Amino acid sequence: MPAFTDNNKPWPLLRLVLFRFFAIYLLLYHSPKILLPDYWWNAVVTWAGKLLIRRGYEIEYWPAGSGDTTFNYLQLFCLLILTLIINCIWWAIDHKRKNDDKAQYWIMTLFRYQLACIMFGYGIAKVIPTQFTLPLLYKLDQPFGESSPMGLAWTFMGASPGYTIFSGIAECIAGLFLLFRRTRLFGALLCMIVMANVMALNFFYDICVKLFSTHLFISALFLITPDLSRIGRFFFLHQTVAPANEYRPVYRRKWLRYLHTGTKYSVIAGLLYYLVATGFYQHRYLLKSTSTGPLYGSYEVISYNRIPTPADSRLLRPTTPSPQWKNIYFEKGNLVLFKDTTGDVAGVHVVIDTLLHKVNWRMGKDSDSTRIHYTILQSNQLVLQGHIAGDSVQLTLRKKDTDHYLLMTRGFHWVNEFGLNK
């Protein structure tokens, strides 16, 4: 076992209480599936829902794409109760200890690596742009006032790859400094600044990861708590601050020191390699899945005609009414979005056969595959003909000019004689 640098200075009771509470709480929050399986959480969250919401509560929405569901808030309540129970057990077993220097060292080390991994993950997803992509044609064609706050924030980030990369570099730098003990304070402070901005975006643009970003900010704050008094004396009282006197392992044998150093840098190298390799893989996949197809563009439906068939006279029941589409967007990656006259949007992934001039798609899991024949006319028009919702229809579409979107064509200018604030 490693020895530790000697520092038996007793902690104030309040510091002991707060450290143990937040250490347990953050450990549980960041590792819910590792420490507690999903089926256990399902039962406990359902119990909490019946206690706090209504007797017959059942889980309706599972966390999928949103981290701010009712499930997540009930899970947070359960985590607080579990944290209090574990803290009571900890105090009952170890109430005579004057300080938690050793526990603080190992828990802080675990949090440093965990937070660094998260910061690298999000940072690399921005540096190698996979988290935010250029706006879809549908988004560019959407009236500004119809955007949701989250959709507006996503468009704001995706429309500027340079700013997105800059944000990712800041997150990666914070993660890099967190990996080393001597720079962990600077890394935690930088992480707090970065996450404060992310947290503000999530709160004020109603982005559905408020809980997660808040807990990342709290985790960074937790990492700097041992140095709060030193930070206050340095920045606000302008006093000389001594180097940090904290516990750290001191290995008596040389081979143990080599093993510790080798393990540390192997973990760091493996972590960075995995995250960067994953980022490049996702980027290559994204490039393949966002290639433009032969029908790429934004189309306005100028005519929607139902073609009568001989079978119509023999029908004993009415057919399902065909959807009244207003716009059709053939996006990158063979994604097609349909916007109807009410403003609702539905999307499908299609397979385009350029030899037979066919478009195949399936509107739902239980629906039949739809095959549409397309004809490209010289006057920027596209004709689609086939069976949709039980009807034989013919649509005539007019392709819009997608080069007129100022958001995508304005670019960067060193010199601006007049501000272009449209």
Protein backbone atom coordinates (compact mmCIF):
# COMPACT_ATOMS: atom_id res chain seq x y z
CA MET A 1 0.00 0.00 0.00
CA PRO A 2 1.27 3.52 -0.70
CA ALA A 3 2.12 5.86 2.12
CA PHE A 4 0.72 9.37 2.18
CA THR A 5 2.21 12.76 2.89
CA ASP A 6 1.50 13.61 6.50
CA ASN A 7 -1.23 16.17 7.23
CA ASN A 8 -3.43 15.41 10.23
CA LYS A 9 -5.01 18.85 10.51
CA PRO A 10 -8.62 18.35 11.65
CA TRP A 11 -11.44 19.54 9.42
CA PRO A 12 -14.30 21.72 10.62
CA LEU A 13 -17.47 19.70 11.16
CA LEU A 14 -19.32 21.56 8.39
CA ARG A 15 -16.60 20.67 5.88
CA LEU A 16 -16.78 17.00 6.86
CA VAL A 17 -20.57 16.95 6.51
CA LEU A 18 -20.58 18.71 3.13
CA PHE A 19 -17.72 16.64 1.72
CA ARG A 20 -19.29 13.32 2.61
CA PHE A 21 -22.71 14.37 1.35
CA PHE A 22 -21.58 15.66 -2.05
CA ALA A 23 -18.99 12.91 -2.52
CA ILE A 24 -21.65 10.21 -2.15
CA TYR A 25 -24.28 12.15 -4.09
CA LEU A 26 -22.04 12.85 -7.10
CA LEU A 27 -20.71 9.29 -7.11
CA LEU A 28 -24.27 7.99 -7.27
CA TYR A 29 -25.39 10.56 -9.85
CA HIS A 30 -22.57 9.89 -12.30
CA SER A 31 -22.77 6.11 -11.95
CA PRO A 32 -26.48 5.20 -11.72
CA LYS A 33 -26.33 2.31 -14.17
CA ILE A 34 -23.03 0.92 -12.90
CA LEU A 35 -24.00 0.88 -9.22
CA LEU A 36 -27.75 0.43 -9.68
CA PRO A 37 -29.28 -1.45 -12.65
CA ASP A 38 -32.18 -0.07 -14.66
CA TYR A 39 -34.80 -2.49 -13.30
CA TRP A 40 -33.97 -1.35 -9.75
CA TRP A 41 -34.37 2.29 -10.75
CA ASN A 42 -37.67 1.58 -12.48
CA ALA A 43 -39.19 0.20 -9.29
CA VAL A 44 -37.81 2.96 -7.07
CA VAL A 45 -38.77 5.78 -9.45
CA THR A 46 -42.30 4.37 -9.73
CA TRP A 47 -42.51 4.32 -5.91
CA ALA A 48 -41.32 7.95 -5.78
CA GLY A 49 -43.89 8.92 -8.41
CA LYS A 50 -46.69 7.35 -6.38
CA LEU A 51 -45.42 9.18 -3.29
CA LEU A 52 -44.92 12.62 -4.85
CA ILE A 53 -47.27 12.79 -7.86
CA ARG A 54 -50.26 10.43 -7.57
CA ARG A 55 -51.06 6.97 -6.26
CA GLY A 56 -51.50 5.34 -9.64
CA TYR A 57 -48.35 6.83 -11.16
CA GLU A 58 -46.59 4.80 -13.84
CA ILE A 59 -43.54 5.77 -15.91
CA GLU A 60 -44.77 7.28 -19.18
CA TYR A 61 -41.63 8.75 -20.73
CA TRP A 62 -38.25 7.09 -20.45
CA PRO A 63 -35.04 9.16 -20.72
CA ALA A 64 -34.37 9.03 -24.46
CA GLY A 65 -33.03 12.21 -26.00
CA SER A 66 -34.03 14.24 -22.95
CA GLY A 67 -32.33 14.33 -19.58
CA ASP A 68 -35.04 16.42 -17.94
CA THR A 69 -37.93 13.97 -17.91
CA THR A 70 -40.18 13.31 -14.93
CA PHE A 71 -38.21 10.07 -14.53
CA ASN A 72 -34.97 12.05 -14.13
CA TYR A 73 -36.41 14.37 -11.48
CA LEU A 74 -37.87 11.48 -9.52
CA GLN A 75 -34.55 9.67 -9.82
CA LEU A 76 -32.88 12.78 -8.39
CA PHE A 77 -35.22 12.64 -5.39
CA CYS A 78 -34.34 8.98 -4.87
CA LEU A 79 -30.63 9.78 -5.12
CA LEU A 80 -30.95 12.37 -2.37
CA ILE A 81 -32.66 9.86 -0.08
CA LEU A 82 -30.05 7.20 -0.87
CA THR A 83 -27.27 9.73 -0.27
CA LEU A 84 -28.66 10.55 3.18
CA ILE A 85 -28.92 6.86 4.07
CA ILE A 86 -25.33 6.12 3.01
CA ASN A 87 -24.10 9.22 4.85
CA CYS A 88 -25.79 8.07 8.05
CA ILE A 89 -24.08 4.69 7.73
CA TRP A 90 -20.72 6.39 7.02
CA TRP A 91 -21.04 8.61 10.08
CA ALA A 92 -22.12 5.69 12.27
CA ILE A 93 -19.07 3.65 11.24
CA ASP A 94 -16.49 6.46 11.03
CA HIS A 95 -17.68 9.29 13.29
CA LYS A 96 -14.39 9.71 15.16
CA ARG A 97 -12.23 10.57 12.13
CA LYS A 98 -10.83 14.12 12.27
CA ASN A 99 -10.49 14.55 8.52
CA ASP A 100 -11.13 12.75 5.25
CA ASP A 101 -7.89 13.64 3.47
CA LYS A 102 -7.30 10.14 2.12
CA ALA A 103 -10.88 9.66 0.99
CA GLN A 104 -10.80 13.13 -0.54
CA TYR A 105 -7.69 12.31 -2.57
CA TRP A 106 -9.10 9.13 -4.13
CA ILE A 107 -12.60 10.55 -4.68
CA MET A 108 -11.21 13.74 -6.20
CA THR A 109 -8.96 11.68 -8.48
CA LEU A 110 -11.93 9.63 -9.63
CA PHE A 111 -13.98 12.78 -10.26
CA ARG A 112 -11.10 14.42 -12.14
CA TYR A 113 -10.83 11.56 -14.60
CA GLN A 114 -14.58 11.19 -14.91
CA LEU A 115 -15.14 14.89 -15.57
CA ALA A 116 -12.16 14.99 -17.96
CA CYS A 117 -13.63 12.09 -19.93
CA ILE A 118 -16.97 13.90 -20.24
CA MET A 119 -15.33 17.19 -21.25
CA PHE A 120 -13.21 15.43 -23.87
CA GLY A 121 -16.24 13.58 -25.17
CA TYR A 122 -18.25 16.75 -25.73
CA GLY A 123 -15.22 18.75 -26.82
CA ILE A 124 -14.14 16.28 -29.49
CA ALA A 125 -17.73 16.08 -30.73
CA LYS A 126 -17.40 19.82 -31.47
CA VAL A 127 -13.80 19.91 -32.72
CA ILE A 128 -14.60 16.98 -35.03
CA PRO A 129 -18.06 18.35 -35.84
CA THR A 130 -20.60 15.66 -35.05
CA GLN A 131 -22.70 17.23 -32.28
CA PHE A 132 -23.77 20.28 -34.29
CA THR A 133 -24.16 20.13 -38.06
CA LEU A 134 -25.15 22.66 -40.69
CA PRO A 135 -28.87 23.49 -40.60
CA LEU A 136 -31.21 21.30 -42.61
CA LEU A 137 -33.01 22.75 -45.60
CA TYR A 138 -36.22 22.44 -43.61
CA LYS A 139 -34.72 24.57 -40.84
CA LEU A 140 -33.50 27.22 -43.28
CA ASP A 141 -36.97 27.39 -44.83
CA GLN A 142 -38.74 27.56 -41.48
CA PRO A 143 -40.11 30.96 -40.37
CA PHE A 144 -37.91 32.35 -37.60
CA GLY A 145 -40.80 32.70 -35.18
CA GLU A 146 -41.73 29.02 -35.49
CA SER A 147 -38.38 27.83 -34.13
CA SER A 148 -38.29 26.43 -30.63
CA PRO A 149 -35.67 27.95 -28.30
CA MET A 150 -33.71 24.68 -28.42
CA GLY A 151 -33.98 24.52 -32.20
CA LEU A 152 -32.75 28.11 -32.44
CA ALA A 153 -29.74 27.34 -30.22
CA TRP A 154 -28.90 24.24 -32.27
CA THR A 155 -29.11 26.26 -35.49
CA PHE A 156 -27.01 29.03 -33.94
CA MET A 157 -24.23 26.56 -33.12
CA GLY A 158 -24.46 24.52 -36.32
CA ALA A 159 -24.44 27.57 -38.60
CA SER A 160 -20.95 28.52 -37.39
CA PRO A 161 -18.50 25.58 -37.50
CA GLY A 162 -15.71 27.93 -36.37
CA TYR A 163 -17.47 28.90 -33.16
CA THR A 164 -18.42 25.28 -32.54
CA ILE A 165 -14.79 24.18 -32.89
CA PHE A 166 -13.68 27.02 -30.59
CA SER A 167 -16.16 25.86 -27.94
CA GLY A 168 -14.90 22.29 -28.31
CA ILE A 169 -11.27 23.34 -27.91
CA ALA A 170 -12.15 25.10 -24.64
CA GLU A 171 -13.81 21.93 -23.35
CA CYS A 172 -10.85 19.77 -24.41
CA ILE A 173 -8.33 22.10 -22.74
CA ALA A 174 -10.32 21.97 -19.51
CA GLY A 175 -10.39 18.18 -19.71
CA LEU A 176 -6.66 17.99 -20.43
CA PHE A 177 -5.70 20.03 -17.35
CA LEU A 178 -8.00 17.93 -15.18
CA LEU A 179 -5.95 14.82 -15.94
CA PHE A 180 -2.92 16.00 -13.95
CA ARG A 181 -2.73 16.70 -10.24
CA ARG A 182 -0.59 19.83 -10.56
CA THR A 183 -2.97 21.46 -13.04
CA ARG A 184 -6.27 20.08 -11.76
CA LEU A 185 -7.21 23.38 -10.05
CA PHE A 186 -6.79 25.35 -13.27
CA GLY A 187 -8.66 22.63 -15.16
CA ALA A 188 -11.53 22.70 -12.66
CA LEU A 189 -11.77 26.51 -12.81
CA LEU A 190 -11.76 26.46 -16.62
CA CYS A 191 -14.33 23.66 -16.57
CA MET A 192 -16.56 25.76 -14.32
CA ILE A 193 -16.37 28.71 -16.73
CA VAL A 194 -17.11 26.53 -19.77
CA MET A 195 -19.93 24.67 -18.07
CA ALA A 196 -21.45 27.90 -16.74
CA ASN A 197 -21.90 29.00 -20.36
CA VAL A 198 -23.29 25.61 -21.38
CA MET A 199 -25.60 25.55 -18.38
CA ALA A 200 -26.88 29.06 -19.20
CA LEU A 201 -27.65 28.00 -22.77
CA ASN A 202 -29.51 24.94 -21.52
CA PHE A 203 -31.57 26.93 -19.03
CA PHE A 204 -32.37 29.99 -21.10
CA TYR A 205 -32.95 28.15 -24.39
CA ASP A 206 -34.89 25.30 -22.77
CA ILE A 207 -32.42 22.63 -23.89
CA CYS A 208 -33.31 19.31 -22.29
CA VAL A 209 -30.00 18.57 -20.52
CA LYS A 210 -30.35 21.09 -17.70
CA LEU A 211 -29.87 18.55 -14.92
CA PHE A 212 -26.78 16.98 -16.47
CA SER A 213 -25.01 20.27 -17.25
CA THR A 214 -25.82 21.57 -13.77
CA HIS A 215 -24.28 18.49 -12.19
CA LEU A 216 -21.16 18.87 -14.33
CA PHE A 217 -20.85 22.44 -13.04
CA ILE A 218 -21.33 21.21 -9.45
CA SER A 219 -18.70 18.50 -10.01
CA ALA A 220 -16.18 21.11 -11.16
CA LEU A 221 -17.05 23.27 -8.14
CA PHE A 222 -16.60 20.24 -5.89
CA LEU A 223 -13.08 19.75 -7.26
CA ILE A 224 -12.00 23.26 -6.25
CA THR A 225 -13.50 23.20 -2.74
CA PRO A 226 -10.19 22.17 -1.07
CA ASP A 227 -8.63 25.35 -2.52
CA LEU A 228 -11.47 27.83 -1.95
CA SER A 229 -9.70 29.62 0.91
CA ARG A 230 -6.46 29.89 -1.10
CA ILE A 231 -8.37 31.22 -4.12
CA GLY A 232 -10.13 33.81 -1.95
CA ARG A 233 -6.90 35.02 -0.34
CA PHE A 234 -5.15 35.27 -3.72
CA PHE A 235 -7.84 36.96 -5.81
CA PHE A 236 -9.72 39.07 -3.26
CA LEU A 237 -7.29 39.75 -0.41
CA HIS A 238 -4.13 39.94 -2.58
CA GLN A 239 -2.22 37.79 -0.11
CA THR A 240 0.64 35.43 -0.75
CA VAL A 241 -0.63 31.87 -1.05
CA ALA A 242 1.45 28.85 -0.06
CA PRO A 243 1.50 25.72 -2.23
CA ALA A 244 -1.30 23.27 -1.59
CA ASN A 245 -0.60 20.89 1.29
CA GLU A 246 -2.69 17.89 0.33
CA TYR A 247 -2.49 14.15 0.68
CA ARG A 248 -1.01 12.22 -2.19
CA PRO A 249 0.43 8.72 -2.44
CA VAL A 250 4.17 8.39 -1.84
CA TYR A 251 5.55 5.03 -2.98
CA ARG A 252 8.58 3.79 -1.05
CA ARG A 253 9.64 1.33 -3.72
CA LYS A 254 10.82 2.44 -7.11
CA TRP A 255 8.92 -0.21 -9.06
CA LEU A 256 5.66 0.92 -7.45
CA ARG A 257 6.35 4.50 -8.58
CA TYR A 258 7.01 3.26 -12.11
CA LEU A 259 3.85 1.15 -12.01
CA HIS A 260 1.79 4.11 -10.80
CA THR A 261 3.18 6.45 -13.47
CA GLY A 262 2.88 3.87 -16.23
CA THR A 263 -0.69 3.01 -15.30
CA LYS A 264 -1.65 6.68 -15.14
CA TYR A 265 -0.28 7.60 -18.55
CA SER A 266 -1.56 4.39 -20.11
CA VAL A 267 -5.07 5.22 -18.91
CA ILE A 268 -4.75 8.79 -20.23
CA ALA A 269 -3.37 7.64 -23.60
CA GLY A 270 -6.04 4.95 -23.94
CA LEU A 271 -8.79 7.41 -23.02
CA LEU A 272 -7.62 10.02 -25.52
CA TYR A 273 -7.15 7.45 -28.28
CA TYR A 274 -10.61 6.01 -27.74
CA LEU A 275 -12.34 9.40 -27.71
CA VAL A 276 -10.46 10.75 -30.74
CA ALA A 277 -10.88 7.52 -32.72
CA THR A 278 -14.59 7.46 -31.88
CA GLY A 279 -14.90 11.09 -32.96
CA PHE A 280 -13.25 10.42 -36.34
CA TYR A 281 -15.35 7.30 -36.86
CA GLN A 282 -18.55 9.20 -36.16
CA HIS A 283 -17.40 12.02 -38.44
CA ARG A 284 -16.70 9.63 -41.31
CA TYR A 285 -20.07 8.00 -40.78
CA LEU A 286 -21.72 11.42 -40.70
CA LEU A 287 -20.02 12.44 -43.95
CA LYS A 288 -21.29 9.29 -45.65
CA SER A 289 -24.77 9.70 -44.25
CA THR A 290 -24.98 13.39 -45.22
CA SER A 291 -23.98 13.11 -48.85
CA THR A 292 -26.35 14.85 -51.23
CA GLY A 293 -28.58 12.62 -53.34
CA PRO A 294 -29.85 13.25 -56.88
CA LEU A 295 -33.04 14.91 -55.59
CA TYR A 296 -31.38 17.05 -52.91
CA GLY A 297 -33.25 20.30 -52.46
CA SER A 298 -36.23 22.15 -51.05
CA TYR A 299 -39.48 21.69 -52.96
CA GLU A 300 -42.84 23.41 -52.85
CA VAL A 301 -45.90 21.32 -53.68
CA ILE A 302 -47.72 23.20 -56.46
CA SER A 303 -50.26 20.48 -57.26
CA TYR A 304 -51.52 17.38 -55.46
CA ASN A 305 -53.85 15.32 -57.61
CA ARG A 306 -55.62 12.08 -56.77
CA ILE A 307 -55.76 9.79 -59.80
CA PRO A 308 -59.06 7.82 -60.00
CA THR A 309 -58.71 4.07 -60.54
CA PRO A 310 -61.23 1.47 -61.76
CA ALA A 311 -61.25 -0.02 -58.28
CA ASP A 312 -62.70 3.16 -56.79
CA SER A 313 -66.24 2.29 -57.93
CA ARG A 314 -66.03 -1.09 -56.22
CA LEU A 315 -64.86 0.24 -52.82
CA LEU A 316 -67.37 -0.44 -50.03
CA ARG A 317 -65.65 1.90 -47.52
CA PRO A 318 -63.91 5.25 -47.82
CA THR A 319 -60.15 5.28 -48.25
CA THR A 320 -57.77 6.97 -45.83
CA PRO A 321 -57.44 10.60 -46.86
CA SER A 322 -54.09 11.48 -48.42
CA PRO A 323 -51.87 13.90 -46.52
CA GLN A 324 -51.92 17.47 -47.82
CA TRP A 325 -48.25 18.31 -48.06
CA LYS A 326 -47.10 21.89 -48.50
CA ASN A 327 -43.34 21.35 -48.78
CA ILE A 328 -41.07 18.36 -49.28
CA TYR A 329 -37.38 18.52 -48.38
CA PHE A 330 -34.91 16.01 -49.79
CA GLU A 331 -32.15 16.45 -47.23
CA LYS A 332 -28.66 15.02 -47.09
CA GLY A 333 -28.30 11.36 -46.23
CA ASN A 334 -31.49 10.36 -48.07
CA LEU A 335 -33.63 11.94 -45.37
CA VAL A 336 -36.95 13.30 -46.63
CA LEU A 337 -39.09 15.68 -44.56
CA PHE A 338 -42.75 16.33 -45.33
CA LYS A 339 -44.39 19.53 -44.09
CA ASP A 340 -48.17 19.61 -44.32
CA THR A 341 -50.56 22.54 -44.48
CA THR A 342 -50.91 22.62 -40.68
CA GLY A 343 -47.15 23.01 -40.19
CA ASP A 344 -46.54 19.48 -38.85
CA VAL A 345 -43.40 17.76 -40.10
CA ALA A 346 -42.78 14.03 -40.61
CA GLY A 347 -39.57 12.45 -41.80
CA VAL A 348 -38.51 9.19 -43.42
CA HIS A 349 -35.30 7.74 -44.75
CA VAL A 350 -35.64 6.74 -48.37
CA VAL A 351 -33.81 4.63 -50.92
CA ILE A 352 -33.48 6.32 -54.31
CA ASP A 353 -33.05 4.14 -57.39
CA THR A 354 -31.57 6.43 -60.04
CA LEU A 355 -31.80 3.77 -62.77
CA LEU A 356 -35.53 3.12 -62.39
CA HIS A 357 -36.27 6.64 -61.11
CA LYS A 358 -37.96 5.23 -58.00
CA VAL A 359 -38.12 6.47 -54.40
CA ASN A 360 -38.88 3.85 -51.73
CA TRP A 361 -39.87 4.68 -48.17
CA ARG A 362 -41.88 3.43 -45.22
CA MET A 363 -43.85 6.01 -43.18
CA GLY A 364 -44.10 3.80 -40.07
CA LYS A 365 -43.09 0.43 -38.64
CA ASP A 366 -46.46 -1.13 -39.42
CA SER A 367 -47.05 0.57 -42.75
CA ASP A 368 -46.38 -0.90 -46.15
CA SER A 369 -43.40 0.19 -48.17
CA THR A 370 -44.21 3.01 -50.57
CA ARG A 371 -42.66 3.17 -54.03
CA ILE A 372 -42.91 6.45 -55.91
CA HIS A 373 -41.79 7.11 -59.47
CA TYR A 374 -40.11 10.46 -60.00
CA THR A 375 -39.52 12.54 -63.11
CA ILE A 376 -37.20 15.54 -63.19
CA LEU A 377 -38.42 18.29 -65.52
CA GLN A 378 -36.24 21.00 -67.02
CA SER A 379 -38.15 23.86 -65.40
CA ASN A 380 -36.89 23.05 -61.87
CA GLN A 381 -39.91 20.85 -61.34
CA LEU A 382 -40.18 17.33 -59.98
CA VAL A 383 -43.14 15.01 -60.55
CA LEU A 384 -43.86 12.21 -58.07
CA GLN A 385 -46.41 9.55 -58.95
CA GLY A 386 -47.48 6.45 -57.01
CA HIS A 387 -49.62 5.10 -54.17
CA ILE A 388 -49.71 7.04 -50.89
CA ALA A 389 -52.07 6.20 -47.99
CA GLY A 390 -54.13 3.95 -50.24
CA ASP A 391 -54.54 6.55 -53.00
CA SER A 392 -52.94 6.81 -56.41
CA VAL A 393 -51.61 10.36 -56.52
CA GLN A 394 -49.48 12.65 -58.62
CA LEU A 395 -47.54 15.51 -57.07
CA THR A 396 -45.88 18.31 -58.96
CA LEU A 397 -43.11 20.03 -57.02
CA ARG A 398 -41.18 23.20 -57.74
CA LYS A 399 -37.58 23.32 -56.55
CA LYS A 400 -36.61 26.37 -54.55
CA ASP A 401 -33.33 28.22 -54.91
CA THR A 402 -31.34 27.18 -51.83
CA ASP A 403 -28.46 29.57 -52.61
CA HIS A 404 -30.40 32.60 -51.39
CA TYR A 405 -30.19 31.77 -47.67
CA LEU A 406 -28.11 34.62 -46.25
CA LEU A 407 -27.26 32.60 -43.15
CA MET A 408 -25.30 30.13 -45.28
CA THR A 409 -23.85 32.53 -47.89
CA ARG A 410 -22.85 35.60 -45.87
CA GLY A 411 -19.50 34.24 -44.70
CA PHE A 412 -16.81 36.18 -42.82
CA HIS A 413 -15.71 39.77 -43.48
CA TRP A 414 -12.81 41.58 -41.84
CA VAL A 415 -14.15 44.91 -43.05
CA ASN A 416 -17.79 45.83 -42.48
CA GLU A 417 -18.61 49.39 -43.50
CA PHE A 418 -22.15 48.76 -42.30
CA GLY A 419 -23.43 46.15 -39.89
CA LEU A 420 -25.63 43.55 -41.56
CA ASN A 421 -28.07 42.80 -38.76
CA LYS A 422 -31.11 41.32 -40.49
